[in-house]
Amino acid sequence: MKKTYKIEVDCANCANKMEDAAKKTTGVKNAVVNFMTLKMSVEFEEGQDPKEVMQKVRANCKKVEDDCEIFI
């Protein structure tokens, strides 16, 4: 399953950090952050609950970029 989320981030470098953090999250198969459109596309591993996984993604992104936001 793949979903797209609106994000809020200040710079392209920060967006890259968010993408890396999302990709390393358990339950995420792949993630792509587009700084120009302020969107994050997340592909979830089979059988994962997107809401639960996105809570972990948000927490991991906040660790690398504390002023970012993901609108779940």
C-alpha atoms as a PDB file:
ATOM      1  CA  MET A   1       0.000   0.000   0.000  1.00  0.00           C
ATOM      2  CA  LYS A   2       1.229   3.474  -0.871  1.00  0.00           C
ATOM      3  CA  LYS A   3       0.037   6.764   0.643  1.00  0.00           C
ATOM      4  CA  THR A   4       1.008  10.407   0.251  1.00  0.00           C
ATOM      5  CA  TYR A   5       1.186  12.869   3.150  1.00  0.00           C
ATOM      6  CA  LYS A   6       1.539  16.642   3.306  1.00  0.00           C
ATOM      7  CA  ILE A   7       4.683  17.724   5.132  1.00  0.00           C
ATOM      8  CA  GLU A   8       6.162  20.941   6.450  1.00  0.00           C
ATOM      9  CA  VAL A   9       9.936  21.308   6.244  1.00  0.00           C
ATOM     10  CA  ASP A  10      12.267  24.312   5.865  1.00  0.00           C
ATOM     11  CA  CYS A  11      14.893  23.201   3.365  1.00  0.00           C
ATOM     12  CA  ALA A  12      15.801  20.532   0.816  1.00  0.00           C
ATOM     13  CA  ASN A  13      18.571  19.148   3.027  1.00  0.00           C
ATOM     14  CA  CYS A  14      16.083  18.687   5.870  1.00  0.00           C
ATOM     15  CA  ALA A  15      13.701  16.961   3.451  1.00  0.00           C
ATOM     16  CA  ASN A  16      16.494  14.506   2.570  1.00  0.00           C
ATOM     17  CA  LYS A  17      17.049  13.789   6.261  1.00  0.00           C
ATOM     18  CA  MET A  18      13.325  13.127   6.668  1.00  0.00           C
ATOM     19  CA  GLU A  19      13.347  10.762   3.693  1.00  0.00           C
ATOM     20  CA  ASP A  20      16.292   8.795   5.106  1.00  0.00           C
ATOM     21  CA  ALA A  21      14.640   8.573   8.539  1.00  0.00           C
ATOM     22  CA  ALA A  22      11.362   7.382   7.014  1.00  0.00           C
ATOM     23  CA  LYS A  23      13.117   4.706   4.931  1.00  0.00           C
ATOM     24  CA  LYS A  24      14.788   3.311   8.066  1.00  0.00           C
ATOM     25  CA  THR A  25      11.468   2.975   9.924  1.00  0.00           C
ATOM     26  CA  THR A  26      10.149  -0.529  10.548  1.00  0.00           C
ATOM     27  CA  GLY A  27       7.136  -1.211   8.329  1.00  0.00           C
ATOM     28  CA  VAL A  28       8.218   1.151   5.555  1.00  0.00           C
ATOM     29  CA  LYS A  29       9.154  -0.473   2.245  1.00  0.00           C
ATOM     30  CA  ASN A  30      10.122   2.825   0.576  1.00  0.00           C
ATOM     31  CA  ALA A  31       9.680   6.561   1.121  1.00  0.00           C
ATOM     32  CA  VAL A  32      10.190   9.584  -1.121  1.00  0.00           C
ATOM     33  CA  VAL A  33      10.071  13.224  -0.002  1.00  0.00           C
ATOM     34  CA  ASN A  34       9.480  15.938  -2.586  1.00  0.00           C
ATOM     35  CA  PHE A  35      10.599  19.274  -1.150  1.00  0.00           C
ATOM     36  CA  MET A  36       9.080  21.297  -4.017  1.00  0.00           C
ATOM     37  CA  THR A  37       5.550  19.955  -3.439  1.00  0.00           C
ATOM     38  CA  LEU A  38       6.008  19.400   0.326  1.00  0.00           C
ATOM     39  CA  LYS A  39       4.773  15.826   0.079  1.00  0.00           C
ATOM     40  CA  MET A  40       6.004  12.487   1.361  1.00  0.00           C
ATOM     41  CA  SER A  41       5.031   9.269  -0.421  1.00  0.00           C
ATOM     42  CA  VAL A  42       5.324   6.176   1.732  1.00  0.00           C
ATOM     43  CA  GLU A  43       5.041   2.589   0.560  1.00  0.00           C
ATOM     44  CA  PHE A  44       4.241   0.256   3.444  1.00  0.00           C
ATOM     45  CA  GLU A  45       5.359  -3.333   3.873  1.00  0.00           C
ATOM     46  CA  GLU A  46       2.681  -6.013   3.447  1.00  0.00           C
ATOM     47  CA  GLY A  47       0.331  -6.321   6.432  1.00  0.00           C
ATOM     48  CA  GLN A  48       1.426  -3.106   8.168  1.00  0.00           C
ATOM     49  CA  ASP A  49      -1.047  -0.601   9.629  1.00  0.00           C
ATOM     50  CA  PRO A  50      -0.253   2.757   7.959  1.00  0.00           C
ATOM     51  CA  LYS A  51      -1.449   4.806  10.966  1.00  0.00           C
ATOM     52  CA  GLU A  52       0.821   2.964  13.400  1.00  0.00           C
ATOM     53  CA  VAL A  53       3.798   3.050  11.040  1.00  0.00           C
ATOM     54  CA  MET A  54       3.353   6.769  10.355  1.00  0.00           C
ATOM     55  CA  GLN A  55       3.481   7.517  14.086  1.00  0.00           C
ATOM     56  CA  LYS A  56       6.918   5.853  14.102  1.00  0.00           C
ATOM     57  CA  VAL A  57       7.934   7.707  10.930  1.00  0.00           C
ATOM     58  CA  ARG A  58       6.956  11.038  12.510  1.00  0.00           C
ATOM     59  CA  ALA A  59       8.942  10.223  15.671  1.00  0.00           C
ATOM     60  CA  ASN A  60      12.020   9.236  13.633  1.00  0.00           C
ATOM     61  CA  CYS A  61      11.790  12.365  11.477  1.00  0.00           C
ATOM     62  CA  LYS A  62      11.515  14.558  14.584  1.00  0.00           C
ATOM     63  CA  LYS A  63      14.796  13.040  15.838  1.00  0.00           C
ATOM     64  CA  VAL A  64      16.699  14.295  12.780  1.00  0.00           C
ATOM     65  CA  GLU A  65      14.699  17.475  12.106  1.00  0.00           C
ATOM     66  CA  ASP A  66      12.770  18.600  15.177  1.00  0.00           C
ATOM     67  CA  ASP A  67      10.802  21.405  13.465  1.00  0.00           C
ATOM     68  CA  CYS A  68       9.424  19.248  10.648  1.00  0.00           C
ATOM     69  CA  GLU A  69       5.804  18.113  10.508  1.00  0.00           C
ATOM     70  CA  ILE A  70       3.931  15.294   8.788  1.00  0.00           C
ATOM     71  CA  PHE A  71       0.187  15.711   8.518  1.00  0.00           C
ATOM     72  CA  ILE A  72      -1.249  12.226   9.051  1.00  0.00           C
END
